[in-house]
Amino acid sequence: MYRWFRNTHLVTGLLAVPFLLMYGLSAVQMSHAGWFSLKPTVTETTVTVASSPINDGRALARILMDQNHVRGEIRQVKATGSGFQLRIEHPGTVYRVDYSSKTREAVIRTSVAPFMGMLNRIHHLAGLHNASLILDIWGGWVVAVSLCLFLLGLTGIYMWFRLHKERAIGSILLAVSLAYSLALILLIRTA
């Protein structure tokens, strides 16, 4: 029985570490944005969309997605005097689309954030009902890691009380994880 708890503890810990490091790093980035370069790369493209004017912003977004010009979730659709303005987001990428019904052209302004900006957006993702399968898979992994953390704690408590000889190592690991957590809290709160 102990062997099963030990192996489960090890596997869940190894699975959770990359996610926890990513969330810790992105939390520090959010608190200390000046430490990281977050300036996005911006490009602009003009696309002729259809042979007839489009009267619905969501239909325009679907056409642009089908033509592989944009991808992500529609965050904002706003009617303008000459057409529509859309905002479509994908982690690390924001598309701002200005569509003119008169010319039937869409001007797509694409802002691509650097790696830390993408981590920031991934940090804010939530749920399992996103626009893409990859984002839903990420949401599933977040759920799995959350469950792993509970399992990690339960198996750790069991092993703590079961093995008296290894309490020194457990105390060291507990102190290191506490120091890491407190360092992150200090870095986040001293912004």
Protein backbone atom coordinates (compact mmCIF):
# COMPACT_ATOMS: atom_id res chain seq x y z
CA MET A 1 0.00 0.00 0.00
CA TYR A 2 2.78 2.42 0.88
CA ARG A 3 4.47 1.81 -2.47
CA TRP A 4 1.28 2.81 -4.31
CA PHE A 5 1.03 6.04 -2.27
CA ARG A 6 4.71 6.83 -2.90
CA ASN A 7 4.45 6.26 -6.67
CA THR A 8 1.21 8.23 -6.89
CA HIS A 9 2.81 11.07 -4.93
CA LEU A 10 5.83 11.11 -7.26
CA VAL A 11 3.84 10.98 -10.50
CA THR A 12 1.32 13.64 -9.46
CA GLY A 13 4.13 15.91 -8.28
CA LEU A 14 6.04 15.54 -11.53
CA LEU A 15 2.88 16.19 -13.54
CA ALA A 16 2.01 19.33 -11.57
CA VAL A 17 5.46 20.98 -11.49
CA PRO A 18 5.54 22.41 -15.06
CA PHE A 19 2.06 23.88 -14.67
CA LEU A 20 2.85 25.40 -11.28
CA LEU A 21 6.08 26.93 -12.58
CA MET A 22 4.22 28.41 -15.56
CA TYR A 23 1.51 29.89 -13.35
CA GLY A 24 4.10 31.21 -10.90
CA LEU A 25 6.13 32.84 -13.68
CA SER A 26 3.07 34.40 -15.31
CA ALA A 27 1.86 35.69 -11.91
CA VAL A 28 5.21 37.41 -11.37
CA GLN A 29 5.03 38.82 -14.91
CA MET A 30 1.58 40.28 -14.21
CA SER A 31 2.82 41.94 -11.04
CA HIS A 32 6.11 43.18 -12.51
CA ALA A 33 5.33 43.89 -16.14
CA GLY A 34 8.34 46.23 -16.37
CA TRP A 35 10.71 43.30 -15.91
CA PHE A 36 9.57 41.68 -19.15
CA SER A 37 9.24 42.84 -22.74
CA LEU A 38 5.54 42.67 -23.59
CA LYS A 39 5.54 44.80 -26.73
CA PRO A 40 3.52 42.94 -29.37
CA THR A 41 4.44 42.57 -33.01
CA VAL A 42 1.74 44.30 -35.06
CA THR A 43 0.93 43.58 -38.71
CA GLU A 44 -1.90 44.80 -40.90
CA THR A 45 -3.53 43.02 -43.81
CA THR A 46 -6.36 44.04 -46.12
CA VAL A 47 -8.64 41.29 -47.41
CA THR A 48 -11.55 41.41 -49.85
CA VAL A 49 -14.19 39.38 -48.06
CA ALA A 50 -17.21 38.70 -50.29
CA SER A 51 -18.86 39.68 -53.54
CA SER A 52 -21.85 41.14 -51.68
CA PRO A 53 -21.93 43.25 -48.50
CA ILE A 54 -22.16 41.41 -45.16
CA ASN A 55 -24.76 42.59 -42.67
CA ASP A 56 -23.70 40.58 -39.61
CA GLY A 57 -20.42 40.87 -37.71
CA ARG A 58 -20.46 37.23 -36.61
CA ALA A 59 -20.95 36.09 -40.21
CA LEU A 60 -17.95 38.21 -41.16
CA ALA A 61 -15.90 36.55 -38.40
CA ARG A 62 -16.92 33.09 -39.65
CA ILE A 63 -15.88 33.96 -43.21
CA LEU A 64 -12.50 35.26 -42.03
CA MET A 65 -11.97 32.14 -39.92
CA ASP A 66 -12.95 29.84 -42.81
CA GLN A 67 -10.42 31.64 -45.03
CA ASN A 68 -7.75 31.17 -42.31
CA HIS A 69 -7.17 34.89 -41.81
CA VAL A 70 -8.08 34.83 -38.10
CA ARG A 71 -8.70 32.27 -35.36
CA GLY A 72 -9.91 32.46 -31.80
CA GLU A 73 -12.94 33.64 -29.87
CA ILE A 74 -15.05 36.62 -30.82
CA ARG A 75 -14.80 39.09 -27.95
CA GLN A 76 -16.51 42.12 -29.42
CA VAL A 77 -18.70 42.96 -32.41
CA LYS A 78 -19.56 46.61 -32.91
CA ALA A 79 -21.46 48.23 -35.77
CA THR A 80 -19.83 51.32 -37.23
CA GLY A 81 -21.17 53.83 -39.70
CA SER A 82 -19.52 52.05 -42.61
CA GLY A 83 -19.65 48.40 -41.49
CA PHE A 84 -18.36 46.46 -38.48
CA GLN A 85 -15.49 46.33 -36.07
CA LEU A 86 -14.54 42.97 -34.54
CA ARG A 87 -12.14 41.85 -31.86
CA ILE A 88 -11.08 38.21 -31.98
CA GLU A 89 -8.64 36.75 -29.47
CA HIS A 90 -6.43 33.70 -29.29
CA PRO A 91 -3.87 33.31 -26.45
CA GLY A 92 -1.09 35.72 -27.29
CA THR A 93 -2.81 37.06 -30.43
CA VAL A 94 -5.47 39.74 -30.85
CA TYR A 95 -7.15 40.46 -34.19
CA ARG A 96 -8.89 43.78 -34.69
CA VAL A 97 -10.97 43.73 -37.84
CA ASP A 98 -12.44 46.85 -39.47
CA TYR A 99 -14.91 45.93 -42.22
CA SER A 100 -16.30 48.37 -44.75
CA SER A 101 -19.62 47.37 -46.38
CA LYS A 102 -18.97 49.82 -49.21
CA THR A 103 -15.63 48.35 -50.32
CA ARG A 104 -16.32 44.83 -48.90
CA GLU A 105 -12.79 44.86 -47.52
CA ALA A 106 -11.64 43.91 -44.06
CA VAL A 107 -8.54 45.47 -42.57
CA ILE A 108 -7.08 42.94 -40.12
CA ARG A 109 -4.69 44.34 -37.53
CA THR A 110 -2.89 41.44 -35.83
CA SER A 111 -1.07 41.93 -32.53
CA VAL A 112 1.12 38.98 -31.54
CA ALA A 113 2.45 39.11 -27.99
CA PRO A 114 5.86 37.68 -27.08
CA PHE A 115 6.15 34.47 -25.04
CA MET A 116 5.47 36.15 -21.67
CA GLY A 117 2.38 37.86 -23.08
CA MET A 118 1.10 34.51 -24.30
CA LEU A 119 1.71 33.00 -20.84
CA ASN A 120 -0.27 35.88 -19.38
CA ARG A 121 -3.26 35.10 -21.59
CA ILE A 122 -3.03 31.36 -20.89
CA HIS A 123 -3.01 32.16 -17.17
CA HIS A 124 -6.42 33.81 -17.59
CA LEU A 125 -8.04 31.04 -19.65
CA ALA A 126 -10.96 29.37 -17.96
CA GLY A 127 -13.41 26.60 -18.60
CA LEU A 128 -13.88 23.85 -21.11
CA HIS A 129 -16.07 25.68 -23.62
CA ASN A 130 -13.55 27.59 -25.71
CA ALA A 131 -13.41 28.30 -29.42
CA SER A 132 -10.74 25.71 -30.13
CA LEU A 133 -10.07 22.14 -29.11
CA ILE A 134 -6.53 23.02 -27.98
CA LEU A 135 -7.87 25.53 -25.45
CA ASP A 136 -10.39 22.96 -24.20
CA ILE A 137 -7.55 20.44 -23.81
CA TRP A 138 -5.63 23.06 -21.81
CA GLY A 139 -8.69 23.55 -19.59
CA GLY A 140 -8.85 19.78 -19.08
CA TRP A 141 -5.19 19.72 -18.06
CA VAL A 142 -5.81 22.50 -15.55
CA VAL A 143 -8.59 20.41 -14.00
CA ALA A 144 -6.31 17.36 -13.95
CA VAL A 145 -3.46 19.30 -12.31
CA SER A 146 -5.86 20.69 -9.70
CA LEU A 147 -6.94 17.16 -8.84
CA CYS A 148 -3.29 16.07 -8.80
CA LEU A 149 -2.53 18.76 -6.22
CA PHE A 150 -5.23 17.42 -3.92
CA LEU A 151 -3.93 13.88 -4.42
CA LEU A 152 -0.38 15.09 -3.83
CA GLY A 153 -1.39 16.60 -0.51
CA LEU A 154 -3.30 13.51 0.63
CA THR A 155 -0.54 11.07 -0.28
CA GLY A 156 2.04 13.38 1.30
CA ILE A 157 0.14 13.45 4.58
CA TYR A 158 -0.17 9.67 4.54
CA MET A 159 3.56 9.19 3.92
CA TRP A 160 4.46 11.84 6.50
CA PHE A 161 2.77 9.87 9.26
CA ARG A 162 3.81 6.49 7.94
CA LEU A 163 7.58 7.04 7.72
CA HIS A 164 9.29 8.48 10.74
CA LYS A 165 12.81 8.20 9.25
CA GLU A 166 11.98 10.36 6.23
CA ARG A 167 10.45 13.27 8.10
CA ALA A 168 13.69 15.24 7.80
CA ILE A 169 13.54 15.09 3.99
CA GLY A 170 9.84 15.87 4.11
CA SER A 171 10.52 18.87 6.33
CA ILE A 172 13.16 20.16 3.90
CA LEU A 173 10.84 19.76 0.90
CA LEU A 174 8.02 21.40 2.83
CA ALA A 175 10.31 24.32 3.76
CA VAL A 176 11.49 24.73 0.14
CA SER A 177 7.92 24.74 -1.19
CA LEU A 178 6.85 27.19 1.52
CA ALA A 179 9.80 29.47 0.68
CA TYR A 180 8.89 29.31 -3.03
CA SER A 181 5.25 30.16 -2.28
CA LEU A 182 6.15 33.02 0.04
CA ALA A 183 8.66 34.39 -2.49
CA LEU A 184 5.95 34.40 -5.17
CA ILE A 185 3.48 36.09 -2.83
CA LEU A 186 6.06 38.76 -1.99
CA LEU A 187 6.92 39.33 -5.63
CA ILE A 188 3.24 39.58 -6.54
CA ARG A 189 2.32 41.90 -3.66
CA THR A 190 5.30 44.26 -3.89
CA ALA A 191 4.37 45.52 -7.34
